[in-house]
Amino acid sequence: MEAYIVAAVRTAGGRRNGRLAGWHPNDLGGAILSAAVERSGIDPAAVDDVIMGCVSQAGEQGLHIGRNAVLASILPESVPAVSIDRQCGSSQQAIHFAAQAVMSGTQDVVIAAGVESMSRVPMGITALAGTGAKPFSQKVLDRFGTSGFSQFQGAEMMAKKHGFSREELDAYALETHRRAAVATERGDFAEEIVPLEVDLATGREIHQVDEGIRFDASAEGLASLKNLAEGGVITAGNASQVCDGASAVMVVSGQALRDHGLTPLARIVNLTVTAGDPVIMLEEPLFATDRALRRAGLSIADIDLYEVNEAFAPVPMAWLKHVGADPDRLNVNGGAIALGHPLGASGTKLMATLVHALRKNGRRYGLQTMCEGGGIANVTIVEAL
């Protein structure tokens, strides 16, 4: 059985304590679920399930954010939900679970979604809960000969392993800001962004432009930033931005297409997830992509556009080098360095951008991947329709 995407939407990213900081995560998630239903044109009661990705499931994102987002949406209370955490790949995994449910024939209409308010629920808060909390046992640390696992350390390790200089990383970052700025000015995000009302000191406004894009970004400005670690190459400028946001993708069966008169945007071709070294942590998308392409019977030359999450610049740069991909097809509308990385919402956010970019440019195949805490990576291949 096949699985199809019939709606793919996201909010415009909000900077830390920026334009979306006033939105409670329940309401932010609810707004994007409502938008997915409205864009598809389906009866809200026809939705079988909601799978909501969220990394920091504490505080305002605690006590089952997925269910609470449903209750804040236009969906009836009869629609169930589940909240999942595969770190940065949470909502990309939500797509996988949704597609698997549809392809198995157990469900026909599932919304994969994600939400993260990094302003209101700070990153890492779940590791701090309780006195002296230690997420990693000594047995785990001893197994890998480390005193701890750090994505920042992993990014430095990747840059060193693959031979990237600070100047090369900054040049990549500058290009992603340029691409995001051009895409925004060209209106390329119009189909995927859901406008939201925000209350500001200056009055009520509509938020529909990604707040993290530096339209005046310069090589000099990036070069002036301090390294996050002494002697390192990673800076706030060549790493992803803290971001508030939500996103959703509706996945349906062929039967649902016919029963509800839905218009498919894309067909899901391949779902792959792999895991590897948890110390370097961020390198797994390279190897996961190799496996996904083999399983799909495709080569990288067959893929027209790729979205590789820019958690840190060395990740997509190493991916390009390893896979032998065309840099002109990578993150063509910019990536998380400019647009922001709202953790649990990034998976469906990237899919929204990928699906609409494929259709807008008349392209066929798209591939999405991202690095995830613990050395995991998801890869999703879709065919635009």
Protein backbone atom coordinates (compact mmCIF):
# COMPACT_ATOMS: atom_id res chain seq x y z
CA MET A 1 0.00 0.00 0.00
CA GLU A 2 1.07 3.58 -0.67
CA ALA A 3 1.23 6.63 1.60
CA TYR A 4 0.63 10.13 0.29
CA ILE A 5 1.20 13.63 1.65
CA VAL A 6 -1.83 15.88 1.15
CA ALA A 7 -0.86 18.86 3.33
CA ALA A 8 2.51 20.17 4.50
CA VAL A 9 2.60 23.35 6.57
CA ARG A 10 4.76 25.20 9.07
CA THR A 11 4.88 28.40 11.01
CA ALA A 12 7.50 30.99 10.21
CA GLY A 13 10.33 30.56 12.71
CA GLY A 14 10.47 32.81 15.75
CA ARG A 15 13.76 33.84 17.35
CA ARG A 16 14.39 33.20 21.05
CA ASN A 17 12.07 35.51 23.02
CA GLY A 18 10.89 36.84 19.68
CA ARG A 19 7.60 37.08 17.83
CA LEU A 20 6.27 33.61 18.75
CA ALA A 21 7.34 33.66 22.39
CA GLY A 22 3.85 34.74 23.45
CA TRP A 23 2.26 31.59 22.03
CA HIS A 24 1.72 28.72 24.47
CA PRO A 25 3.07 25.49 22.88
CA ASN A 26 -0.39 23.86 23.10
CA ASP A 27 -1.83 26.68 21.01
CA LEU A 28 1.11 26.74 18.60
CA GLY A 29 0.71 23.01 17.99
CA GLY A 30 -3.05 23.37 17.78
CA ALA A 31 -2.80 26.12 15.18
CA ILE A 32 -0.63 24.00 12.89
CA LEU A 33 -2.90 20.96 13.23
CA SER A 34 -5.88 23.13 12.31
CA ALA A 35 -4.00 24.52 9.32
CA ALA A 36 -3.11 21.02 8.05
CA VAL A 37 -6.76 19.98 8.21
CA GLU A 38 -7.95 23.18 6.52
CA ARG A 39 -5.34 22.97 3.74
CA SER A 40 -6.28 19.37 2.97
CA GLY A 41 -10.02 20.07 2.99
CA ILE A 42 -10.78 16.89 4.93
CA ASP A 43 -13.46 16.52 7.58
CA PRO A 44 -11.58 16.94 10.91
CA ALA A 45 -13.38 13.91 12.34
CA ALA A 46 -11.80 11.72 9.64
CA VAL A 47 -8.34 12.04 11.18
CA ASP A 48 -7.38 8.71 12.77
CA ASP A 49 -4.42 9.88 14.83
CA VAL A 50 -1.93 12.67 15.52
CA ILE A 51 1.75 11.91 16.11
CA MET A 52 3.46 14.93 17.68
CA GLY A 53 7.22 15.29 17.92
CA CYS A 54 8.65 17.37 20.76
CA VAL A 55 12.07 17.18 22.39
CA SER A 56 11.63 19.16 25.61
CA GLN A 57 8.53 17.47 27.03
CA ALA A 58 8.47 19.39 30.30
CA GLY A 59 6.75 22.45 31.71
CA GLU A 60 4.33 23.87 29.16
CA GLN A 61 5.28 21.03 26.80
CA GLY A 62 4.75 18.36 29.45
CA LEU A 63 1.75 16.17 30.26
CA HIS A 64 1.34 14.96 26.65
CA ILE A 65 1.85 17.90 24.30
CA GLY A 66 0.31 15.96 21.40
CA ARG A 67 -3.04 15.47 23.09
CA ASN A 68 -3.05 19.04 24.38
CA ALA A 69 -2.37 20.37 20.88
CA VAL A 70 -5.35 18.37 19.57
CA LEU A 71 -7.54 19.94 22.27
CA ALA A 72 -6.32 23.40 21.20
CA SER A 73 -7.15 22.72 17.52
CA ILE A 74 -10.26 22.37 15.37
CA LEU A 75 -9.98 18.59 15.65
CA PRO A 76 -12.75 16.93 17.66
CA GLU A 77 -11.84 15.45 21.03
CA SER A 78 -12.38 12.00 19.52
CA VAL A 79 -9.04 12.28 17.64
CA PRO A 80 -6.25 10.59 19.65
CA ALA A 81 -2.61 11.63 19.74
CA VAL A 82 0.79 10.45 20.89
CA SER A 83 3.90 12.49 21.77
CA ILE A 84 7.27 11.16 20.66
CA ASP A 85 10.93 12.07 21.12
CA ARG A 86 13.65 11.05 18.68
CA GLN A 87 15.55 14.21 19.54
CA CYS A 88 15.96 16.54 16.54
CA GLY A 89 14.32 13.95 14.28
CA SER A 90 11.17 13.69 16.36
CA SER A 91 8.70 14.96 13.78
CA GLN A 92 10.54 13.30 10.90
CA GLN A 93 10.03 10.06 12.82
CA ALA A 94 6.40 11.14 13.22
CA ILE A 95 6.18 11.09 9.41
CA HIS A 96 7.65 7.60 9.39
CA PHE A 97 5.21 6.32 11.99
CA ALA A 98 2.31 7.96 10.15
CA ALA A 99 3.36 6.45 6.83
CA GLN A 100 3.86 3.03 8.39
CA ALA A 101 0.37 3.16 9.91
CA VAL A 102 -1.12 4.06 6.54
CA MET A 103 0.95 1.56 4.56
CA SER A 104 0.02 -1.22 7.00
CA GLY A 105 -3.67 -0.55 6.40
CA THR A 106 -4.39 0.04 10.09
CA GLN A 107 -5.15 3.74 9.62
CA ASP A 108 -6.03 5.97 6.67
CA VAL A 109 -5.47 9.58 7.80
CA VAL A 110 -2.67 10.51 10.19
CA ILE A 111 -1.17 13.91 10.96
CA ALA A 112 2.56 13.91 11.69
CA ALA A 113 3.52 17.11 13.45
CA GLY A 114 6.00 18.79 15.74
CA VAL A 115 6.15 21.73 18.08
CA GLU A 116 8.89 23.38 20.11
CA SER A 117 8.83 26.66 21.99
CA MET A 118 12.50 27.06 22.85
CA SER A 119 11.75 30.46 24.38
CA ARG A 120 9.28 29.07 26.90
CA VAL A 121 10.77 25.60 27.43
CA PRO A 122 14.58 25.86 27.23
CA MET A 123 16.62 23.18 25.51
CA GLY A 124 18.00 20.61 27.96
CA ILE A 125 15.37 21.22 30.63
CA THR A 126 14.43 17.53 30.78
CA ALA A 127 18.00 16.59 31.73
CA LEU A 128 17.89 19.02 34.65
CA ALA A 129 14.69 17.74 36.22
CA GLY A 130 15.33 16.51 39.76
CA THR A 131 18.28 17.02 42.04
CA GLY A 132 21.53 15.73 40.63
CA ALA A 133 19.88 14.12 37.61
CA LYS A 134 22.27 12.16 35.40
CA PRO A 135 20.81 11.10 32.04
CA PHE A 136 23.82 8.88 31.29
CA SER A 137 24.84 6.11 33.65
CA GLN A 138 28.48 5.39 34.37
CA LYS A 139 28.12 2.11 32.48
CA VAL A 140 27.15 3.98 29.31
CA LEU A 141 29.96 6.52 29.73
CA ASP A 142 32.52 3.79 30.36
CA ARG A 143 31.41 1.85 27.30
CA PHE A 144 32.28 4.78 25.03
CA GLY A 145 35.24 6.09 27.01
CA THR A 146 33.76 9.53 27.54
CA SER A 147 32.74 11.78 30.40
CA GLY A 148 29.65 12.94 28.53
CA PHE A 149 27.90 13.29 25.17
CA SER A 150 27.79 16.73 23.55
CA GLN A 151 26.45 17.80 20.18
CA PHE A 152 28.80 20.78 20.26
CA GLN A 153 31.76 18.45 20.76
CA GLY A 154 30.41 16.24 17.99
CA ALA A 155 30.28 19.21 15.61
CA GLU A 156 33.90 20.07 16.38
CA MET A 157 34.86 16.43 15.84
CA MET A 158 33.09 16.37 12.47
CA ALA A 159 34.78 19.56 11.31
CA LYS A 160 38.18 18.17 12.24
CA LYS A 161 37.54 14.69 10.78
CA HIS A 162 36.34 16.06 7.44
CA GLY A 163 38.88 18.87 7.25
CA PHE A 164 36.67 21.96 7.39
CA SER A 165 38.18 25.29 8.43
CA ARG A 166 36.39 28.08 10.27
CA GLU A 167 36.43 30.10 7.05
CA GLU A 168 34.75 27.29 5.09
CA LEU A 169 32.07 26.87 7.74
CA ASP A 170 31.37 30.60 7.79
CA ALA A 171 31.18 30.71 3.99
CA TYR A 172 28.57 27.95 4.10
CA ALA A 173 26.60 29.86 6.74
CA LEU A 174 26.69 33.05 4.69
CA GLU A 175 25.31 31.19 1.67
CA THR A 176 22.42 29.70 3.65
CA HIS A 177 21.40 33.19 4.83
CA ARG A 178 21.59 34.40 1.23
CA ARG A 179 19.43 31.54 -0.04
CA ALA A 180 16.86 32.04 2.73
CA ALA A 181 16.69 35.76 2.02
CA VAL A 182 16.25 35.22 -1.72
CA ALA A 183 13.59 32.54 -1.16
CA THR A 184 11.68 34.84 1.20
CA GLU A 185 11.80 37.81 -1.16
CA ARG A 186 10.75 35.57 -4.06
CA GLY A 187 7.75 34.24 -2.12
CA ASP A 188 8.95 30.63 -2.16
CA PHE A 189 7.67 29.96 1.37
CA ALA A 190 4.19 31.36 0.77
CA GLU A 191 2.51 27.97 0.26
CA GLU A 192 3.99 26.34 3.35
CA ILE A 193 3.86 29.11 5.97
CA VAL A 194 0.76 29.51 8.13
CA PRO A 195 0.37 33.18 9.16
CA LEU A 196 -0.12 33.66 12.91
CA GLU A 197 -1.29 36.69 14.86
CA VAL A 198 1.23 37.92 17.41
CA ASP A 199 0.85 40.55 20.09
CA LEU A 200 3.81 42.92 20.20
CA ALA A 201 4.54 46.10 22.11
CA THR A 202 3.72 47.94 18.89
CA GLY A 203 0.37 46.19 18.52
CA ARG A 204 -1.01 43.05 16.89
CA GLU A 205 0.75 41.86 13.74
CA ILE A 206 0.83 38.84 11.42
CA HIS A 207 3.94 36.68 11.69
CA GLN A 208 4.77 35.06 8.35
CA VAL A 209 8.48 35.73 7.76
CA ASP A 210 11.21 33.62 9.37
CA GLU A 211 12.65 35.84 12.05
CA GLY A 212 16.16 34.39 12.09
CA ILE A 213 17.17 35.31 8.54
CA ARG A 214 19.91 37.93 8.47
CA PHE A 215 19.19 39.77 5.26
CA ASP A 216 22.36 41.81 5.83
CA ALA A 217 24.62 38.87 6.71
CA SER A 218 28.25 39.40 5.78
CA ALA A 219 31.50 37.47 5.87
CA GLU A 220 32.92 40.14 8.16
CA GLY A 221 30.06 39.79 10.61
CA LEU A 222 30.39 36.01 10.78
CA ALA A 223 34.17 36.24 11.15
CA SER A 224 33.77 38.55 14.17
CA LEU A 225 31.92 35.90 16.22
CA LYS A 226 33.78 34.01 18.94
CA ASN A 227 34.34 30.26 18.79
CA LEU A 228 32.11 28.34 21.19
CA ALA A 229 35.14 26.34 22.34
CA GLU A 230 38.72 27.55 22.65
CA GLY A 231 40.64 26.49 19.57
CA GLY A 232 37.45 25.30 17.87
CA VAL A 233 35.67 26.32 14.67
CA ILE A 234 31.99 26.25 15.66
CA THR A 235 30.31 29.61 16.40
CA ALA A 236 26.79 30.85 16.91
CA GLY A 237 26.97 31.96 13.28
CA ASN A 238 27.67 28.58 11.69
CA ALA A 239 25.30 26.64 13.95
CA SER A 240 21.50 26.42 13.87
CA GLN A 241 19.47 29.10 15.59
CA VAL A 242 17.33 28.59 18.67
CA CYS A 243 13.79 28.79 17.32
CA ASP A 244 10.11 28.64 18.22
CA GLY A 245 7.84 26.92 15.73
CA ALA A 246 5.43 24.18 14.73
CA SER A 247 4.83 22.16 11.57
CA ALA A 248 2.61 19.37 10.28
CA VAL A 249 2.30 16.90 7.41
CA MET A 250 -0.92 14.98 6.72
CA VAL A 251 -0.28 11.43 5.49
CA VAL A 252 -3.10 9.40 3.93
CA SER A 253 -3.80 6.16 2.10
CA GLY A 254 -4.90 5.80 -1.49
CA GLN A 255 -8.34 4.85 -0.19
CA ALA A 256 -8.52 8.10 1.77
CA LEU A 257 -7.57 10.05 -1.35
CA ARG A 258 -10.59 8.58 -3.12
CA ASP A 259 -13.01 8.65 -0.19
CA HIS A 260 -12.35 12.29 0.70
CA GLY A 261 -11.47 13.72 -2.71
CA LEU A 262 -8.00 14.77 -1.56
CA THR A 263 -5.21 16.09 -3.78
CA PRO A 264 -1.84 14.41 -3.22
CA LEU A 265 1.26 16.60 -3.06
CA ALA A 266 3.77 13.77 -2.85
CA ARG A 267 4.16 10.01 -2.44
CA ILE A 268 6.41 8.57 0.22
CA VAL A 269 9.07 6.39 -1.42
CA ASN A 270 11.40 5.30 1.38
CA LEU A 271 11.63 5.42 5.17
CA THR A 272 15.01 4.69 6.73
CA VAL A 273 16.44 5.12 10.21
CA THR A 274 19.91 4.06 11.37
CA ALA A 275 22.15 4.62 14.36
CA GLY A 276 25.90 4.80 14.95
CA ASP A 277 28.57 6.45 17.06
CA PRO A 278 26.94 8.44 19.89
CA VAL A 279 30.13 10.40 20.62
CA ILE A 280 30.65 12.11 17.27
CA MET A 281 26.83 11.86 17.22
CA LEU A 282 26.07 14.05 14.20
CA GLU A 283 27.64 11.97 11.41
CA GLU A 284 24.99 9.30 10.99
CA PRO A 285 23.03 11.05 8.16
CA LEU A 286 25.93 10.20 5.85
CA PHE A 287 25.56 6.45 6.36
CA ALA A 288 21.78 6.51 6.68
CA THR A 289 21.58 8.14 3.25
CA ASP A 290 23.73 5.38 1.73
CA ARG A 291 21.32 2.79 3.08
CA ALA A 292 18.19 4.70 2.06
CA LEU A 293 19.36 5.07 -1.54
CA ARG A 294 20.22 1.36 -1.75
CA ARG A 295 16.83 0.38 -0.36
CA ALA A 296 15.02 2.72 -2.75
CA GLY A 297 17.04 1.52 -5.77
CA LEU A 298 18.12 5.10 -6.47
CA SER A 299 21.41 6.97 -6.79
CA ILE A 300 22.08 10.44 -5.46
CA ALA A 301 21.97 11.63 -9.09
CA ASP A 302 18.28 10.62 -9.17
CA ILE A 303 17.44 12.96 -6.28
CA ASP A 304 16.48 16.43 -7.44
CA LEU A 305 16.51 18.28 -4.10
CA TYR A 306 17.82 17.46 -0.65
CA GLU A 307 17.08 18.90 2.78
CA VAL A 308 19.85 18.14 5.26
CA ASN A 309 19.27 19.78 8.62
CA GLU A 310 21.86 22.41 9.40
CA ALA A 311 22.28 21.67 13.10
CA PHE A 312 25.89 22.74 12.53
CA ALA A 313 27.54 23.61 9.22
CA PRO A 314 29.88 20.57 9.25
CA VAL A 315 26.88 18.22 9.01
CA PRO A 316 25.54 19.15 5.54
CA MET A 317 29.09 19.88 4.34
CA ALA A 318 30.31 16.41 5.35
CA TRP A 319 27.12 14.90 3.90
CA LEU A 320 27.79 16.54 0.52
CA LYS A 321 31.38 15.30 0.54
CA HIS A 322 30.50 11.74 1.55
CA VAL A 323 27.48 11.24 -0.72
CA GLY A 324 28.97 13.06 -3.71
CA ALA A 325 25.91 15.29 -3.98
CA ASP A 326 25.39 18.49 -5.93
CA PRO A 327 25.63 21.54 -3.61
CA ASP A 328 23.21 23.43 -5.86
CA ARG A 329 20.44 20.96 -4.90
CA LEU A 330 21.08 21.17 -1.14
CA ASN A 331 18.83 23.31 1.08
CA VAL A 332 18.02 25.50 -1.90
CA ASN A 333 15.87 27.83 0.22
CA GLY A 334 18.37 28.02 3.06
CA GLY A 335 18.52 25.92 6.20
CA ALA A 336 18.43 26.01 9.97
CA ILE A 337 21.45 28.31 10.28
CA ALA A 338 19.20 31.04 8.85
CA LEU A 339 15.66 29.72 9.31
CA GLY A 340 16.06 28.22 12.78
CA HIS A 341 15.89 24.72 14.23
CA PRO A 342 12.80 24.29 16.43
CA LEU A 343 14.01 20.85 17.57
CA GLY A 344 10.96 18.55 17.62
CA ALA A 345 9.26 20.57 14.87
CA SER A 346 12.16 20.50 12.41
CA GLY A 347 11.34 17.18 10.76
CA THR A 348 7.93 18.13 9.43
CA LYS A 349 9.20 21.68 8.87
CA LEU A 350 11.86 20.45 6.46
CA MET A 351 9.35 18.18 4.74
CA ALA A 352 6.99 21.09 4.19
CA THR A 353 9.81 23.06 2.57
CA LEU A 354 11.00 20.09 0.51
CA VAL A 355 7.58 19.11 -0.87
CA HIS A 356 6.68 22.65 -1.88
CA ALA A 357 10.12 23.30 -3.40
CA LEU A 358 9.87 20.14 -5.51
CA ARG A 359 6.46 21.11 -6.81
CA LYS A 360 7.34 24.75 -7.38
CA ASN A 361 10.42 23.82 -9.39
CA GLY A 362 8.84 20.94 -11.30
CA ARG A 363 11.20 18.37 -9.73
CA ARG A 364 10.46 14.73 -8.94
CA TYR A 365 12.46 13.17 -6.07
CA GLY A 366 13.41 14.75 -2.77
CA LEU A 367 15.46 13.41 0.14
CA GLN A 368 15.41 14.66 3.73
CA THR A 369 17.74 13.71 6.56
CA MET A 370 18.95 15.04 9.87
CA CYS A 371 21.33 14.20 12.67
CA GLU A 372 19.79 13.32 16.01
CA GLY A 373 20.98 13.03 19.60
CA GLY A 374 22.54 9.68 20.43
CA GLY A 375 23.97 9.17 16.94
CA ILE A 376 20.71 8.43 15.11
CA ALA A 377 19.52 9.64 11.69
CA ASN A 378 16.26 9.45 9.75
CA VAL A 379 16.06 9.60 5.95
CA THR A 380 12.84 10.12 4.03
CA ILE A 381 12.56 10.02 0.24
CA VAL A 382 9.46 11.41 -1.47
CA GLU A 383 8.20 11.78 -5.02
CA ALA A 384 6.36 14.99 -5.86
CA LEU A 385 3.03 14.57 -7.63
